[in-house]
Amino acid sequence: MGDFFIQQWEQRNPISTVRSRDLLDTEIGHLDQKTLEGFFGKPHRSSLLELSDKLIDELYHIEVLLITVPMYNFGIPSRLKSYFDLIVRHEKTYTTKNSTPGLLNNKKAYIICSMGGQNTGEKNLVEMQLRRILSYIGITDIHCFTMDGTADQKRVQAKVRSKKNEIIQQLNQ
């Protein structure tokens, strides 16, 4: 679905540049106390702090963010959590100086979430978590496409067609 989204995006935005960051190909360590202290100004240099700066710089240079994510045990994968731990940084992506903390304004995010089980009308926990994090750093124009029930192979093709149509409709707006 992510590849389909990018294909549709490029058709509608032929002069845009698409950058990809596959978190499976990026070594992202878990946040530790020394790095956290470095976030708040305590002198400390590490590869984790350097990666954090690089990831934040990438976010400032995009207009649209696409996150493709599976649900693992009712939450996001640990690598994605580690990614967000590195980009949610005081005075870099959020501030406590005004009523709206987020500093990454005027950006859009699209989330394609997949899960094996059926969403029974409850809130999608992955979507809720990602919306909260993205909103906190200033990205509030968020659209989510949930691919639930993927464990039922009989229904997957119909679900894929439906979500592709949703993507097309959303990008045509």
C-alpha atoms as a PDB file:
ATOM      1  CA  MET A   1       0.000   0.000   0.000  1.00  0.00           C
ATOM      2  CA  GLY A   2       2.898   2.332   0.683  1.00  0.00           C
ATOM      3  CA  ASP A   3       4.287   1.780  -2.818  1.00  0.00           C
ATOM      4  CA  PHE A   4       0.830   2.419  -4.270  1.00  0.00           C
ATOM      5  CA  PHE A   5       0.536   5.650  -2.286  1.00  0.00           C
ATOM      6  CA  ILE A   6       3.936   6.861  -3.513  1.00  0.00           C
ATOM      7  CA  GLN A   7       3.036   5.990  -7.124  1.00  0.00           C
ATOM      8  CA  GLN A   8      -0.213   7.950  -6.839  1.00  0.00           C
ATOM      9  CA  TRP A   9       1.561  10.843  -5.128  1.00  0.00           C
ATOM     10  CA  GLU A  10       4.204  11.070  -7.853  1.00  0.00           C
ATOM     11  CA  GLN A  11       1.543  11.065 -10.574  1.00  0.00           C
ATOM     12  CA  ARG A  12      -0.148  14.058  -8.955  1.00  0.00           C
ATOM     13  CA  ASN A  13       3.078  15.816  -7.943  1.00  0.00           C
ATOM     14  CA  PRO A  14       5.570  15.131 -10.729  1.00  0.00           C
ATOM     15  CA  ILE A  15       8.110  17.739  -9.621  1.00  0.00           C
ATOM     16  CA  SER A  16       8.171  16.635  -5.989  1.00  0.00           C
ATOM     17  CA  THR A  17      11.066  14.714  -4.531  1.00  0.00           C
ATOM     18  CA  VAL A  18      10.299  11.536  -2.634  1.00  0.00           C
ATOM     19  CA  ARG A  19      12.751  10.500   0.047  1.00  0.00           C
ATOM     20  CA  SER A  20      12.518   7.186   1.775  1.00  0.00           C
ATOM     21  CA  ARG A  21      13.688   6.128   5.200  1.00  0.00           C
ATOM     22  CA  ASP A  22      13.124   2.458   5.890  1.00  0.00           C
ATOM     23  CA  LEU A  23      13.555   1.985   9.619  1.00  0.00           C
ATOM     24  CA  LEU A  24      14.461  -1.647   9.014  1.00  0.00           C
ATOM     25  CA  ASP A  25      17.558  -0.375   7.179  1.00  0.00           C
ATOM     26  CA  THR A  26      18.387   2.288   9.773  1.00  0.00           C
ATOM     27  CA  GLU A  27      20.110   1.312  12.982  1.00  0.00           C
ATOM     28  CA  ILE A  28      18.175   3.221  15.617  1.00  0.00           C
ATOM     29  CA  GLY A  29      19.163   2.601  19.191  1.00  0.00           C
ATOM     30  CA  HIS A  30      16.875   2.989  22.146  1.00  0.00           C
ATOM     31  CA  LEU A  31      16.893   6.263  24.018  1.00  0.00           C
ATOM     32  CA  ASP A  32      19.185   6.206  27.046  1.00  0.00           C
ATOM     33  CA  GLN A  33      19.713   8.561  29.979  1.00  0.00           C
ATOM     34  CA  LYS A  34      22.903  10.186  28.626  1.00  0.00           C
ATOM     35  CA  THR A  35      21.249  10.956  25.281  1.00  0.00           C
ATOM     36  CA  LEU A  36      18.167  12.306  27.035  1.00  0.00           C
ATOM     37  CA  GLU A  37      20.385  14.587  29.110  1.00  0.00           C
ATOM     38  CA  GLY A  38      22.043  15.706  25.863  1.00  0.00           C
ATOM     39  CA  PHE A  39      18.607  16.631  24.537  1.00  0.00           C
ATOM     40  CA  PHE A  40      18.306  19.097  27.401  1.00  0.00           C
ATOM     41  CA  GLY A  41      21.706  20.703  26.997  1.00  0.00           C
ATOM     42  CA  LYS A  42      24.044  18.641  29.155  1.00  0.00           C
ATOM     43  CA  PRO A  43      27.296  18.366  27.193  1.00  0.00           C
ATOM     44  CA  HIS A  44      27.270  14.984  25.519  1.00  0.00           C
ATOM     45  CA  ARG A  45      28.036  13.818  22.000  1.00  0.00           C
ATOM     46  CA  SER A  46      27.073  10.433  20.704  1.00  0.00           C
ATOM     47  CA  SER A  47      26.026   8.740  17.507  1.00  0.00           C
ATOM     48  CA  LEU A  48      22.452   8.657  18.881  1.00  0.00           C
ATOM     49  CA  LEU A  49      22.407  12.436  19.333  1.00  0.00           C
ATOM     50  CA  GLU A  50      23.852  12.901  15.851  1.00  0.00           C
ATOM     51  CA  LEU A  51      21.186  10.591  14.402  1.00  0.00           C
ATOM     52  CA  SER A  52      18.498  12.518  16.281  1.00  0.00           C
ATOM     53  CA  ASP A  53      19.716  15.788  14.743  1.00  0.00           C
ATOM     54  CA  LYS A  54      19.780  14.204  11.271  1.00  0.00           C
ATOM     55  CA  LEU A  55      16.242  12.766  11.592  1.00  0.00           C
ATOM     56  CA  ILE A  56      14.878  16.097  12.808  1.00  0.00           C
ATOM     57  CA  ASP A  57      16.600  17.935   9.963  1.00  0.00           C
ATOM     58  CA  GLU A  58      14.909  15.547   7.501  1.00  0.00           C
ATOM     59  CA  LEU A  59      11.517  16.396   8.976  1.00  0.00           C
ATOM     60  CA  TYR A  60      12.092  20.122   8.579  1.00  0.00           C
ATOM     61  CA  HIS A  61      12.842  19.608   4.881  1.00  0.00           C
ATOM     62  CA  ILE A  62       9.681  17.692   3.968  1.00  0.00           C
ATOM     63  CA  GLU A  63       6.150  18.788   3.248  1.00  0.00           C
ATOM     64  CA  VAL A  64       4.479  15.388   3.493  1.00  0.00           C
ATOM     65  CA  LEU A  65       5.250  12.417   5.690  1.00  0.00           C
ATOM     66  CA  LEU A  66       4.097   8.892   4.880  1.00  0.00           C
ATOM     67  CA  ILE A  67       4.267   6.320   7.665  1.00  0.00           C
ATOM     68  CA  THR A  68       3.535   2.701   6.830  1.00  0.00           C
ATOM     69  CA  VAL A  69       3.245   0.691  10.007  1.00  0.00           C
ATOM     70  CA  PRO A  70       1.973  -2.678  11.170  1.00  0.00           C
ATOM     71  CA  MET A  71       0.295  -3.111  14.530  1.00  0.00           C
ATOM     72  CA  TYR A  72       2.324  -5.381  16.784  1.00  0.00           C
ATOM     73  CA  ASN A  73       0.611  -6.469  20.007  1.00  0.00           C
ATOM     74  CA  PHE A  74      -1.689  -3.427  20.012  1.00  0.00           C
ATOM     75  CA  GLY A  75       1.080  -0.910  19.391  1.00  0.00           C
ATOM     76  CA  ILE A  76       3.723   0.371  17.033  1.00  0.00           C
ATOM     77  CA  PRO A  77       6.948  -1.569  16.367  1.00  0.00           C
ATOM     78  CA  SER A  78       9.824  -0.769  18.718  1.00  0.00           C
ATOM     79  CA  ARG A  79      11.950   0.752  15.935  1.00  0.00           C
ATOM     80  CA  LEU A  80       9.242   3.276  15.143  1.00  0.00           C
ATOM     81  CA  LYS A  81       8.943   4.053  18.856  1.00  0.00           C
ATOM     82  CA  SER A  82      12.725   4.567  18.987  1.00  0.00           C
ATOM     83  CA  TYR A  83      12.488   6.867  15.949  1.00  0.00           C
ATOM     84  CA  PHE A  84       9.903   9.024  17.700  1.00  0.00           C
ATOM     85  CA  ASP A  85      11.952   8.997  20.912  1.00  0.00           C
ATOM     86  CA  LEU A  86      14.749  10.617  18.891  1.00  0.00           C
ATOM     87  CA  ILE A  87      12.656  13.233  17.088  1.00  0.00           C
ATOM     88  CA  VAL A  88      10.441  14.481  19.918  1.00  0.00           C
ATOM     89  CA  ARG A  89      12.917  16.997  21.310  1.00  0.00           C
ATOM     90  CA  HIS A  90      12.495  20.130  23.374  1.00  0.00           C
ATOM     91  CA  GLU A  91      13.136  23.314  21.365  1.00  0.00           C
ATOM     92  CA  LYS A  92      13.817  21.228  18.241  1.00  0.00           C
ATOM     93  CA  THR A  93      10.372  19.797  17.433  1.00  0.00           C
ATOM     94  CA  TYR A  94       8.311  21.117  20.336  1.00  0.00           C
ATOM     95  CA  THR A  95       8.442  23.961  22.822  1.00  0.00           C
ATOM     96  CA  THR A  96       6.925  24.760  26.175  1.00  0.00           C
ATOM     97  CA  LYS A  97       6.954  28.509  25.486  1.00  0.00           C
ATOM     98  CA  ASN A  98       3.537  28.831  23.815  1.00  0.00           C
ATOM     99  CA  SER A  99       0.146  27.184  23.980  1.00  0.00           C
ATOM    100  CA  THR A 100       0.731  25.059  20.890  1.00  0.00           C
ATOM    101  CA  PRO A 101       3.918  23.110  21.459  1.00  0.00           C
ATOM    102  CA  GLY A 102       4.614  21.747  17.965  1.00  0.00           C
ATOM    103  CA  LEU A 103       7.297  23.369  15.832  1.00  0.00           C
ATOM    104  CA  LEU A 104       6.832  21.281  12.648  1.00  0.00           C
ATOM    105  CA  ASN A 105       3.852  23.191  11.279  1.00  0.00           C
ATOM    106  CA  ASN A 106       2.366  23.277   7.767  1.00  0.00           C
ATOM    107  CA  LYS A 107       3.096  19.638   7.042  1.00  0.00           C
ATOM    108  CA  LYS A 108       0.821  16.716   6.225  1.00  0.00           C
ATOM    109  CA  ALA A 109       1.090  13.145   7.384  1.00  0.00           C
ATOM    110  CA  TYR A 110      -0.446  10.030   5.922  1.00  0.00           C
ATOM    111  CA  ILE A 111      -0.486   6.811   7.915  1.00  0.00           C
ATOM    112  CA  ILE A 112      -1.037   3.396   6.372  1.00  0.00           C
ATOM    113  CA  CYS A 113      -1.582   0.963   9.206  1.00  0.00           C
ATOM    114  CA  SER A 114      -2.055  -2.782   8.870  1.00  0.00           C
ATOM    115  CA  MET A 115      -3.277  -5.293  11.404  1.00  0.00           C
ATOM    116  CA  GLY A 116      -4.271  -8.917  11.220  1.00  0.00           C
ATOM    117  CA  GLY A 117      -7.421  -8.577  13.312  1.00  0.00           C
ATOM    118  CA  GLN A 118     -10.661  -6.815  12.547  1.00  0.00           C
ATOM    119  CA  ASN A 119     -11.146  -3.347  13.952  1.00  0.00           C
ATOM    120  CA  THR A 120     -14.399  -3.734  15.856  1.00  0.00           C
ATOM    121  CA  GLY A 121     -15.301  -0.076  15.878  1.00  0.00           C
ATOM    122  CA  GLU A 122     -12.840   0.700  18.650  1.00  0.00           C
ATOM    123  CA  LYS A 123     -10.247   3.373  18.140  1.00  0.00           C
ATOM    124  CA  ASN A 124      -7.193   2.081  16.311  1.00  0.00           C
ATOM    125  CA  LEU A 125      -4.457   2.214  18.974  1.00  0.00           C
ATOM    126  CA  VAL A 126      -1.673   2.695  16.421  1.00  0.00           C
ATOM    127  CA  GLU A 127      -3.497   5.593  14.809  1.00  0.00           C
ATOM    128  CA  MET A 128      -4.238   7.148  18.196  1.00  0.00           C
ATOM    129  CA  GLN A 129      -0.595   6.941  19.272  1.00  0.00           C
ATOM    130  CA  LEU A 130       0.770   8.317  15.988  1.00  0.00           C
ATOM    131  CA  ARG A 131      -1.782  11.141  15.866  1.00  0.00           C
ATOM    132  CA  ARG A 132      -0.832  12.149  19.410  1.00  0.00           C
ATOM    133  CA  ILE A 133       2.905  12.168  18.719  1.00  0.00           C
ATOM    134  CA  LEU A 134       2.616  13.933  15.355  1.00  0.00           C
ATOM    135  CA  SER A 135       0.231  16.554  16.735  1.00  0.00           C
ATOM    136  CA  TYR A 136       2.572  17.228  19.623  1.00  0.00           C
ATOM    137  CA  ILE A 137       5.397  18.100  17.243  1.00  0.00           C
ATOM    138  CA  GLY A 138       3.083  20.251  15.110  1.00  0.00           C
ATOM    139  CA  ILE A 139       1.892  17.923  12.345  1.00  0.00           C
ATOM    140  CA  THR A 140      -1.885  18.094  12.685  1.00  0.00           C
ATOM    141  CA  ASP A 141      -3.079  17.500   9.100  1.00  0.00           C
ATOM    142  CA  ILE A 142      -3.144  13.709   9.386  1.00  0.00           C
ATOM    143  CA  HIS A 143      -4.963  11.113   7.279  1.00  0.00           C
ATOM    144  CA  CYS A 144      -5.029   7.442   8.202  1.00  0.00           C
ATOM    145  CA  PHE A 145      -5.749   4.418   6.028  1.00  0.00           C
ATOM    146  CA  THR A 146      -6.250   1.322   8.168  1.00  0.00           C
ATOM    147  CA  MET A 147      -5.845  -2.103   6.633  1.00  0.00           C
ATOM    148  CA  ASP A 148      -7.473  -4.288   9.262  1.00  0.00           C
ATOM    149  CA  GLY A 149      -8.381  -7.952   8.952  1.00  0.00           C
ATOM    150  CA  THR A 150      -5.307  -8.850   6.893  1.00  0.00           C
ATOM    151  CA  ALA A 151      -5.168 -12.276   8.557  1.00  0.00           C
ATOM    152  CA  ASP A 152      -8.324 -13.210   6.610  1.00  0.00           C
ATOM    153  CA  GLN A 153      -6.882 -13.933   3.155  1.00  0.00           C
ATOM    154  CA  LYS A 154     -10.375 -14.138   1.638  1.00  0.00           C
ATOM    155  CA  ARG A 155     -11.032 -10.491   2.441  1.00  0.00           C
ATOM    156  CA  VAL A 156      -7.592  -8.996   1.782  1.00  0.00           C
ATOM    157  CA  GLN A 157      -8.053  -8.281  -1.935  1.00  0.00           C
ATOM    158  CA  ALA A 158     -11.356  -6.483  -1.356  1.00  0.00           C
ATOM    159  CA  LYS A 159      -9.754  -4.498   1.476  1.00  0.00           C
ATOM    160  CA  VAL A 160      -6.788  -3.566  -0.744  1.00  0.00           C
ATOM    161  CA  ARG A 161      -9.118  -2.315  -3.506  1.00  0.00           C
ATOM    162  CA  SER A 162     -11.115  -0.309  -0.987  1.00  0.00           C
ATOM    163  CA  LYS A 163      -8.030   1.320   0.556  1.00  0.00           C
ATOM    164  CA  LYS A 164      -6.544   2.102  -2.854  1.00  0.00           C
ATOM    165  CA  ASN A 165      -9.766   3.922  -3.717  1.00  0.00           C
ATOM    166  CA  GLU A 166      -9.591   5.828  -0.422  1.00  0.00           C
ATOM    167  CA  ILE A 167      -6.015   6.868  -1.181  1.00  0.00           C
ATOM    168  CA  ILE A 168      -6.950   8.034  -4.676  1.00  0.00           C
ATOM    169  CA  GLN A 169      -9.908  10.014  -3.321  1.00  0.00           C
ATOM    170  CA  GLN A 170      -7.807  11.626  -0.595  1.00  0.00           C
ATOM    171  CA  LEU A 171      -4.999  12.608  -2.975  1.00  0.00           C
ATOM    172  CA  ASN A 172      -7.503  14.045  -5.477  1.00  0.00           C
ATOM    173  CA  GLN A 173      -8.788  16.530  -2.893  1.00  0.00           C
END
